[in-house]
Structures are given as structure tokens and as C-alpha cells.
PDB file of N, CA and C in Angstrom:
ATOM      1  N   MET A   1      25.050  33.740 -38.617  1.00  0.00           N
ATOM      2  CA  MET A   1      23.927  33.020 -38.047  1.00  0.00           C
ATOM      3  C   MET A   1      23.016  32.539 -39.168  1.00  0.00           C
ATOM      4  N   LYS A   2      22.349  31.454 -38.910  1.00  0.00           N
ATOM      5  CA  LYS A   2      21.383  30.933 -39.869  1.00  0.00           C
ATOM      6  C   LYS A   2      19.992  31.000 -39.266  1.00  0.00           C
ATOM      7  N   TYR A   3      19.049  31.445 -40.083  1.00  0.00           N
ATOM      8  CA  TYR A   3      17.661  31.501 -39.648  1.00  0.00           C
ATOM      9  C   TYR A   3      16.769  30.869 -40.710  1.00  0.00           C
ATOM     10  N   THR A   4      15.761  30.178 -40.250  1.00  0.00           N
ATOM     11  CA  THR A   4      14.746  29.643 -41.144  1.00  0.00           C
ATOM     12  C   THR A   4      13.792  30.761 -41.502  1.00  0.00           C
ATOM     13  N   VAL A   5      13.481  30.881 -42.784  1.00  0.00           N
ATOM     14  CA  VAL A   5      12.489  31.857 -43.223  1.00  0.00           C
ATOM     15  C   VAL A   5      11.351  31.116 -43.903  1.00  0.00           C
ATOM     16  N   VAL A   6      10.183  31.709 -43.824  1.00  0.00           N
ATOM     17  CA  VAL A   6       8.997  31.160 -44.483  1.00  0.00           C
ATOM     18  C   VAL A   6       8.634  32.117 -45.609  1.00  0.00           C
ATOM     19  N   LEU A   7       8.682  31.601 -46.820  1.00  0.00           N
ATOM     20  CA  LEU A   7       8.408  32.397 -48.010  1.00  0.00           C
ATOM     21  C   LEU A   7       7.050  31.978 -48.555  1.00  0.00           C
ATOM     22  N   GLU A   8       6.124  32.929 -48.622  1.00  0.00           N
ATOM     23  CA  GLU A   8       4.774  32.618 -49.091  1.00  0.00           C
ATOM     24  C   GLU A   8       4.410  33.504 -50.269  1.00  0.00           C
ATOM     25  N   ARG A   9       3.887  32.863 -51.311  1.00  0.00           N
ATOM     26  CA  ARG A   9       3.420  33.610 -52.477  1.00  0.00           C
ATOM     27  C   ARG A   9       2.067  34.223 -52.149  1.00  0.00           C
ATOM     28  N   GLU A  10       1.910  35.491 -52.472  1.00  0.00           N
ATOM     29  CA  GLU A  10       0.647  36.185 -52.245  1.00  0.00           C
ATOM     30  C   GLU A  10      -0.294  35.946 -53.429  1.00  0.00           C
ATOM     31  N   PRO A  11      -1.593  35.795 -53.170  1.00  0.00           N
ATOM     32  CA  PRO A  11      -2.549  35.547 -54.259  1.00  0.00           C
ATOM     33  C   PRO A  11      -2.559  36.647 -55.327  1.00  0.00           C
ATOM     34  N   ASP A  12      -2.298  37.884 -54.904  1.00  0.00           N
ATOM     35  CA  ASP A  12      -2.333  38.999 -55.855  1.00  0.00           C
ATOM     36  C   ASP A  12      -0.955  39.340 -56.423  1.00  0.00           C
ATOM     37  N   GLY A  13       0.024  38.473 -56.166  1.00  0.00           N
ATOM     38  CA  GLY A  13       1.382  38.679 -56.673  1.00  0.00           C
ATOM     39  C   GLY A  13       2.352  39.055 -55.574  1.00  0.00           C
ATOM     40  N   GLY A  14       3.587  38.738 -55.796  1.00  0.00           N
ATOM     41  CA  GLY A  14       4.621  39.039 -54.822  1.00  0.00           C
ATOM     42  C   GLY A  14       4.749  37.969 -53.756  1.00  0.00           C
ATOM     43  N   PHE A  15       5.643  38.216 -52.829  1.00  0.00           N
ATOM     44  CA  PHE A  15       5.954  37.258 -51.773  1.00  0.00           C
ATOM     45  C   PHE A  15       6.046  37.969 -50.435  1.00  0.00           C
ATOM     46  N   VAL A  16       5.674  37.256 -49.381  1.00  0.00           N
ATOM     47  CA  VAL A  16       5.855  37.718 -48.002  1.00  0.00           C
ATOM     48  C   VAL A  16       6.796  36.722 -47.335  1.00  0.00           C
ATOM     49  N   VAL A  17       7.742  37.248 -46.553  1.00  0.00           N
ATOM     50  CA  VAL A  17       8.716  36.395 -45.874  1.00  0.00           C
ATOM     51  C   VAL A  17       8.694  36.716 -44.389  1.00  0.00           C
ATOM     52  N   THR A  18       8.665  35.669 -43.562  1.00  0.00           N
ATOM     53  CA  THR A  18       8.730  35.833 -42.111  1.00  0.00           C
ATOM     54  C   THR A  18       9.868  34.987 -41.560  1.00  0.00           C
ATOM     55  N   VAL A  19      10.317  35.340 -40.357  1.00  0.00           N
ATOM     56  CA  VAL A  19      11.362  34.601 -39.663  1.00  0.00           C
ATOM     57  C   VAL A  19      10.749  34.162 -38.332  1.00  0.00           C
ATOM     58  N   PRO A  20      10.338  32.907 -38.216  1.00  0.00           N
ATOM     59  CA  PRO A  20       9.609  32.468 -37.025  1.00  0.00           C
ATOM     60  C   PRO A  20      10.313  32.743 -35.694  1.00  0.00           C
ATOM     61  N   VAL A  21      11.626  32.630 -35.641  1.00  0.00           N
ATOM     62  CA  VAL A  21      12.330  32.811 -34.372  1.00  0.00           C
ATOM     63  C   VAL A  21      12.538  34.299 -34.027  1.00  0.00           C
ATOM     64  N   LEU A  22      12.269  35.192 -34.984  1.00  0.00           N
ATOM     65  CA  LEU A  22      12.410  36.630 -34.743  1.00  0.00           C
ATOM     66  C   LEU A  22      11.026  37.274 -34.841  1.00  0.00           C
ATOM     67  N   PRO A  23      10.306  37.352 -33.746  1.00  0.00           N
ATOM     68  CA  PRO A  23       8.938  37.881 -33.780  1.00  0.00           C
ATOM     69  C   PRO A  23       8.855  39.263 -34.431  1.00  0.00           C
ATOM     70  N   GLY A  24       7.947  39.386 -35.369  1.00  0.00           N
ATOM     71  CA  GLY A  24       7.734  40.655 -36.038  1.00  0.00           C
ATOM     72  C   GLY A  24       8.688  40.931 -37.187  1.00  0.00           C
ATOM     73  N   CYS A  25       9.615  40.027 -37.446  1.00  0.00           N
ATOM     74  CA  CYS A  25      10.555  40.210 -38.546  1.00  0.00           C
ATOM     75  C   CYS A  25       9.887  39.697 -39.824  1.00  0.00           C
ATOM     76  N   VAL A  26       9.382  40.644 -40.613  1.00  0.00           N
ATOM     77  CA  VAL A  26       8.598  40.341 -41.807  1.00  0.00           C
ATOM     78  C   VAL A  26       9.047  41.256 -42.924  1.00  0.00           C
ATOM     79  N   SER A  27       9.072  40.752 -44.135  1.00  0.00           N
ATOM     80  CA  SER A  27       9.350  41.593 -45.283  1.00  0.00           C
ATOM     81  C   SER A  27       8.584  41.050 -46.479  1.00  0.00           C
ATOM     82  N   GLN A  28       8.757  41.711 -47.613  1.00  0.00           N
ATOM     83  CA  GLN A  28       8.049  41.292 -48.812  1.00  0.00           C
ATOM     84  C   GLN A  28       8.843  41.723 -50.033  1.00  0.00           C
ATOM     85  N   GLY A  29       8.413  41.258 -51.184  1.00  0.00           N
ATOM     86  CA  GLY A  29       9.037  41.659 -52.439  1.00  0.00           C
ATOM     87  C   GLY A  29       8.181  41.225 -53.603  1.00  0.00           C
ATOM     88  N   ASP A  30       8.393  41.863 -54.731  1.00  0.00           N
ATOM     89  CA  ASP A  30       7.636  41.515 -55.927  1.00  0.00           C
ATOM     90  C   ASP A  30       8.084  40.179 -56.509  1.00  0.00           C
ATOM     91  N   THR A  31       9.366  39.833 -56.312  1.00  0.00           N
ATOM     92  CA  THR A  31       9.896  38.554 -56.778  1.00  0.00           C
ATOM     93  C   THR A  31      10.464  37.788 -55.594  1.00  0.00           C
ATOM     94  N   ARG A  32      10.701  36.494 -55.816  1.00  0.00           N
ATOM     95  CA  ARG A  32      11.291  35.654 -54.764  1.00  0.00           C
ATOM     96  C   ARG A  32      12.642  36.226 -54.334  1.00  0.00           C
ATOM     97  N   ASP A  33      13.490  36.555 -55.311  1.00  0.00           N
ATOM     98  CA  ASP A  33      14.822  37.077 -55.003  1.00  0.00           C
ATOM     99  C   ASP A  33      14.760  38.397 -54.239  1.00  0.00           C
ATOM    100  N   GLU A  34      13.853  39.269 -54.653  1.00  0.00           N
ATOM    101  CA  GLU A  34      13.700  40.551 -53.959  1.00  0.00           C
ATOM    102  C   GLU A  34      13.226  40.341 -52.522  1.00  0.00           C
ATOM    103  N   ALA A  35      12.278  39.434 -52.325  1.00  0.00           N
ATOM    104  CA  ALA A  35      11.770  39.162 -50.982  1.00  0.00           C
ATOM    105  C   ALA A  35      12.875  38.604 -50.081  1.00  0.00           C
ATOM    106  N   LEU A  36      13.697  37.706 -50.620  1.00  0.00           N
ATOM    107  CA  LEU A  36      14.783  37.134 -49.820  1.00  0.00           C
ATOM    108  C   LEU A  36      15.859  38.173 -49.511  1.00  0.00           C
ATOM    109  N   ALA A  37      16.160  39.050 -50.462  1.00  0.00           N
ATOM    110  CA  ALA A  37      17.128  40.124 -50.193  1.00  0.00           C
ATOM    111  C   ALA A  37      16.585  41.061 -49.121  1.00  0.00           C
ATOM    112  N   ASN A  38      15.297  41.369 -49.197  1.00  0.00           N
ATOM    113  CA  ASN A  38      14.682  42.264 -48.213  1.00  0.00           C
ATOM    114  C   ASN A  38      14.667  41.654 -46.817  1.00  0.00           C
ATOM    115  N   ILE A  39      14.432  40.345 -46.712  1.00  0.00           N
ATOM    116  CA  ILE A  39      14.400  39.733 -45.376  1.00  0.00           C
ATOM    117  C   ILE A  39      15.805  39.659 -44.789  1.00  0.00           C
ATOM    118  N   ARG A  40      16.815  39.526 -45.631  1.00  0.00           N
ATOM    119  CA  ARG A  40      18.195  39.580 -45.116  1.00  0.00           C
ATOM    120  C   ARG A  40      18.448  40.933 -44.454  1.00  0.00           C
ATOM    121  N   ASP A  41      18.020  41.997 -45.120  1.00  0.00           N
ATOM    122  CA  ASP A  41      18.167  43.339 -44.534  1.00  0.00           C
ATOM    123  C   ASP A  41      17.374  43.464 -43.239  1.00  0.00           C
ATOM    124  N   ALA A  42      16.158  42.920 -43.226  1.00  0.00           N
ATOM    125  CA  ALA A  42      15.306  42.989 -42.031  1.00  0.00           C
ATOM    126  C   ALA A  42      15.937  42.221 -40.869  1.00  0.00           C
ATOM    127  N   ILE A  43      16.540  41.070 -41.162  1.00  0.00           N
ATOM    128  CA  ILE A  43      17.213  40.288 -40.115  1.00  0.00           C
ATOM    129  C   ILE A  43      18.387  41.075 -39.553  1.00  0.00           C
ATOM    130  N   ASP A  44      19.178  41.687 -40.431  1.00  0.00           N
ATOM    131  CA  ASP A  44      20.318  42.494 -39.968  1.00  0.00           C
ATOM    132  C   ASP A  44      19.858  43.622 -39.048  1.00  0.00           C
ATOM    133  N   LEU A  45      18.794  44.300 -39.424  1.00  0.00           N
ATOM    134  CA  LEU A  45      18.263  45.392 -38.592  1.00  0.00           C
ATOM    135  C   LEU A  45      17.717  44.874 -37.262  1.00  0.00           C
ATOM    136  N   TYR A  46      17.052  43.733 -37.290  1.00  0.00           N
ATOM    137  CA  TYR A  46      16.502  43.131 -36.071  1.00  0.00           C
ATOM    138  C   TYR A  46      17.644  42.841 -35.096  1.00  0.00           C
ATOM    139  N   ILE A  47      18.707  42.211 -35.601  1.00  0.00           N
ATOM    140  CA  ILE A  47      19.850  41.871 -34.751  1.00  0.00           C
ATOM    141  C   ILE A  47      20.524  43.138 -34.220  1.00  0.00           C
ATOM    142  N   GLU A  48      20.678  44.129 -35.082  1.00  0.00           N
ATOM    143  CA  GLU A  48      21.265  45.402 -34.669  1.00  0.00           C
ATOM    144  C   GLU A  48      20.446  46.050 -33.555  1.00  0.00           C
ATOM    145  N   ASP A  49      19.128  46.021 -33.681  1.00  0.00           N
ATOM    146  CA  ASP A  49      18.258  46.591 -32.649  1.00  0.00           C
ATOM    147  C   ASP A  49      18.370  45.823 -31.334  1.00  0.00           C
ATOM    148  N   CYS A  50      18.451  44.495 -31.407  1.00  0.00           N
ATOM    149  CA  CYS A  50      18.618  43.691 -30.186  1.00  0.00           C
ATOM    150  C   CYS A  50      19.892  44.087 -29.458  1.00  0.00           C
ATOM    151  N   ARG A  51      20.970  44.165 -30.210  1.00  0.00           N
ATOM    152  CA  ARG A  51      22.265  44.502 -29.605  1.00  0.00           C
ATOM    153  C   ARG A  51      22.257  45.911 -29.026  1.00  0.00           C
ATOM    154  N   ALA A  52      21.666  46.859 -29.739  1.00  0.00           N
ATOM    155  CA  ALA A  52      21.617  48.249 -29.263  1.00  0.00           C
ATOM    156  C   ALA A  52      20.812  48.370 -27.978  1.00  0.00           C
ATOM    157  N   ALA A  53      19.785  47.536 -27.843  1.00  0.00           N
ATOM    158  CA  ALA A  53      18.939  47.573 -26.651  1.00  0.00           C
ATOM    159  C   ALA A  53      19.507  46.719 -25.516  1.00  0.00           C
ATOM    160  N   GLY A  54      20.591  45.990 -25.799  1.00  0.00           N
ATOM    161  CA  GLY A  54      21.166  45.111 -24.782  1.00  0.00           C
ATOM    162  C   GLY A  54      20.393  43.825 -24.599  1.00  0.00           C
ATOM    163  N   ASP A  55      19.532  43.517 -25.565  1.00  0.00           N
ATOM    164  CA  ASP A  55      18.745  42.284 -25.505  1.00  0.00           C
ATOM    165  C   ASP A  55      19.516  41.144 -26.169  1.00  0.00           C
ATOM    166  N   PRO A  56      19.243  39.908 -25.746  1.00  0.00           N
ATOM    167  CA  PRO A  56      19.911  38.780 -26.405  1.00  0.00           C
ATOM    168  C   PRO A  56      19.402  38.628 -27.847  1.00  0.00           C
ATOM    169  N   VAL A  57      20.293  38.211 -28.727  1.00  0.00           N
ATOM    170  CA  VAL A  57      19.918  37.939 -30.116  1.00  0.00           C
ATOM    171  C   VAL A  57      19.365  36.522 -30.168  1.00  0.00           C
ATOM    172  N   PRO A  58      18.121  36.348 -30.616  1.00  0.00           N
ATOM    173  CA  PRO A  58      17.544  35.010 -30.688  1.00  0.00           C
ATOM    174  C   PRO A  58      18.376  34.077 -31.571  1.00  0.00           C
ATOM    175  N   VAL A  59      18.516  32.853 -31.096  1.00  0.00           N
ATOM    176  CA  VAL A  59      19.251  31.822 -31.825  1.00  0.00           C
ATOM    177  C   VAL A  59      18.303  30.673 -32.096  1.00  0.00           C
ATOM    178  N   GLU A  60      18.372  30.175 -33.294  1.00  0.00           N
ATOM    179  CA  GLU A  60      17.529  29.042 -33.668  1.00  0.00           C
ATOM    180  C   GLU A  60      18.258  27.763 -33.263  1.00  0.00           C
ATOM    181  N   ASP A  61      17.757  27.076 -32.247  1.00  0.00           N
ATOM    182  CA  ASP A  61      18.431  25.884 -31.733  1.00  0.00           C
ATOM    183  C   ASP A  61      18.332  24.706 -32.685  1.00  0.00           C
ATOM    184  N   SER A  62      17.134  24.360 -33.031  1.00  0.00           N
ATOM    185  CA  SER A  62      16.946  23.235 -33.937  1.00  0.00           C
ATOM    186  C   SER A  62      15.607  23.392 -34.636  1.00  0.00           C
ATOM    187  N   VAL A  63      15.569  22.884 -35.828  1.00  0.00           N
ATOM    188  CA  VAL A  63      14.364  22.978 -36.625  1.00  0.00           C
ATOM    189  C   VAL A  63      14.059  21.606 -37.185  1.00  0.00           C
ATOM    190  N   GLU A  64      12.810  21.243 -37.139  1.00  0.00           N
ATOM    191  CA  GLU A  64      12.374  19.990 -37.746  1.00  0.00           C
ATOM    192  C   GLU A  64      11.312  20.334 -38.783  1.00  0.00           C
ATOM    193  N   TYR A  65      11.524  19.845 -39.995  1.00  0.00           N
ATOM    194  CA  TYR A  65      10.562  20.097 -41.069  1.00  0.00           C
ATOM    195  C   TYR A  65       9.709  18.861 -41.248  1.00  0.00           C
ATOM    196  N   VAL A  66       8.413  19.062 -41.186  1.00  0.00           N
ATOM    197  CA  VAL A  66       7.471  17.973 -41.349  1.00  0.00           C
ATOM    198  C   VAL A  66       6.464  18.391 -42.398  1.00  0.00           C
ATOM    199  N   GLU A  67       6.266  17.545 -43.395  1.00  0.00           N
ATOM    200  CA  GLU A  67       5.286  17.839 -44.424  1.00  0.00           C
ATOM    201  C   GLU A  67       4.031  17.044 -44.116  1.00  0.00           C
ATOM    202  N   LEU A  68       2.943  17.745 -43.964  1.00  0.00           N
ATOM    203  CA  LEU A  68       1.653  17.111 -43.714  1.00  0.00           C
ATOM    204  C   LEU A  68       0.782  17.286 -44.937  1.00  0.00           C
ATOM    205  N   ILE A  69       0.239  16.221 -45.420  1.00  0.00           N
ATOM    206  CA  ILE A  69      -0.625  16.285 -46.579  1.00  0.00           C
ATOM    207  C   ILE A  69      -2.037  15.968 -46.115  1.00  0.00           C
ATOM    208  N   THR A  70      -2.944  16.874 -46.426  1.00  0.00           N
ATOM    209  CA  THR A  70      -4.325  16.669 -46.023  1.00  0.00           C
ATOM    210  C   THR A  70      -5.143  16.295 -47.260  1.00  0.00           C
ATOM    211  N   PRO A  71      -6.248  15.578 -47.055  1.00  0.00           N
ATOM    212  CA  PRO A  71      -7.062  15.213 -48.204  1.00  0.00           C
ATOM    213  C   PRO A  71      -7.666  16.446 -48.856  1.00  0.00           C
ATOM    214  N   ALA A  72      -7.807  16.390 -50.157  1.00  0.00           N
ATOM    215  CA  ALA A  72      -8.418  17.492 -50.892  1.00  0.00           C
ATOM    216  C   ALA A  72      -9.871  17.617 -50.501  1.00  0.00           C
ATOM    217  N   ALA A  73     -10.339  18.846 -50.456  1.00  0.00           N
ATOM    218  CA  ALA A  73     -11.732  19.071 -50.057  1.00  0.00           C
ATOM    219  C   ALA A  73     -12.673  18.803 -51.194  1.00  0.00           C
TER     220      ALA A  73
END
């Protein structure tokens, strides 16, 4: 399965990663690579928990990326 992740750099260092289609699926890491490896593990656990509970595994139907540029303040 493929999931879109949002990788955000933290002001004090490190990265936070979320998976919009999997509510509450969040991880972090000191480096970009570590954060992405950690979110892969978190996604695997999320899917495993869904299956164990008999819940459907969320599927990302379609994603549209739009870049909005706002004027500088």
C-alpha cells in the first residue's frame, strides 16, 4: 500500500511525520531518514491493529497536491 506522509522539520531540530489518512499515526526522528523509517514502522503497526480489531484498513483513494503561495508578511 502507498500512503502520503507529511514530513515537517521542527524548529528545535528533528522531524515529525504524520499520515493524514491514518488518524493518530504520527512519528518523529532526529534525521529525515530516521523519521521516515519510524513512520514506516508506525504504519505497519497501525495496519496490524486495524486487522486485529477487524476494522477496515484505510486506503488512500486519490491525492491532489496544491502549492499555495501567500504574500510575505
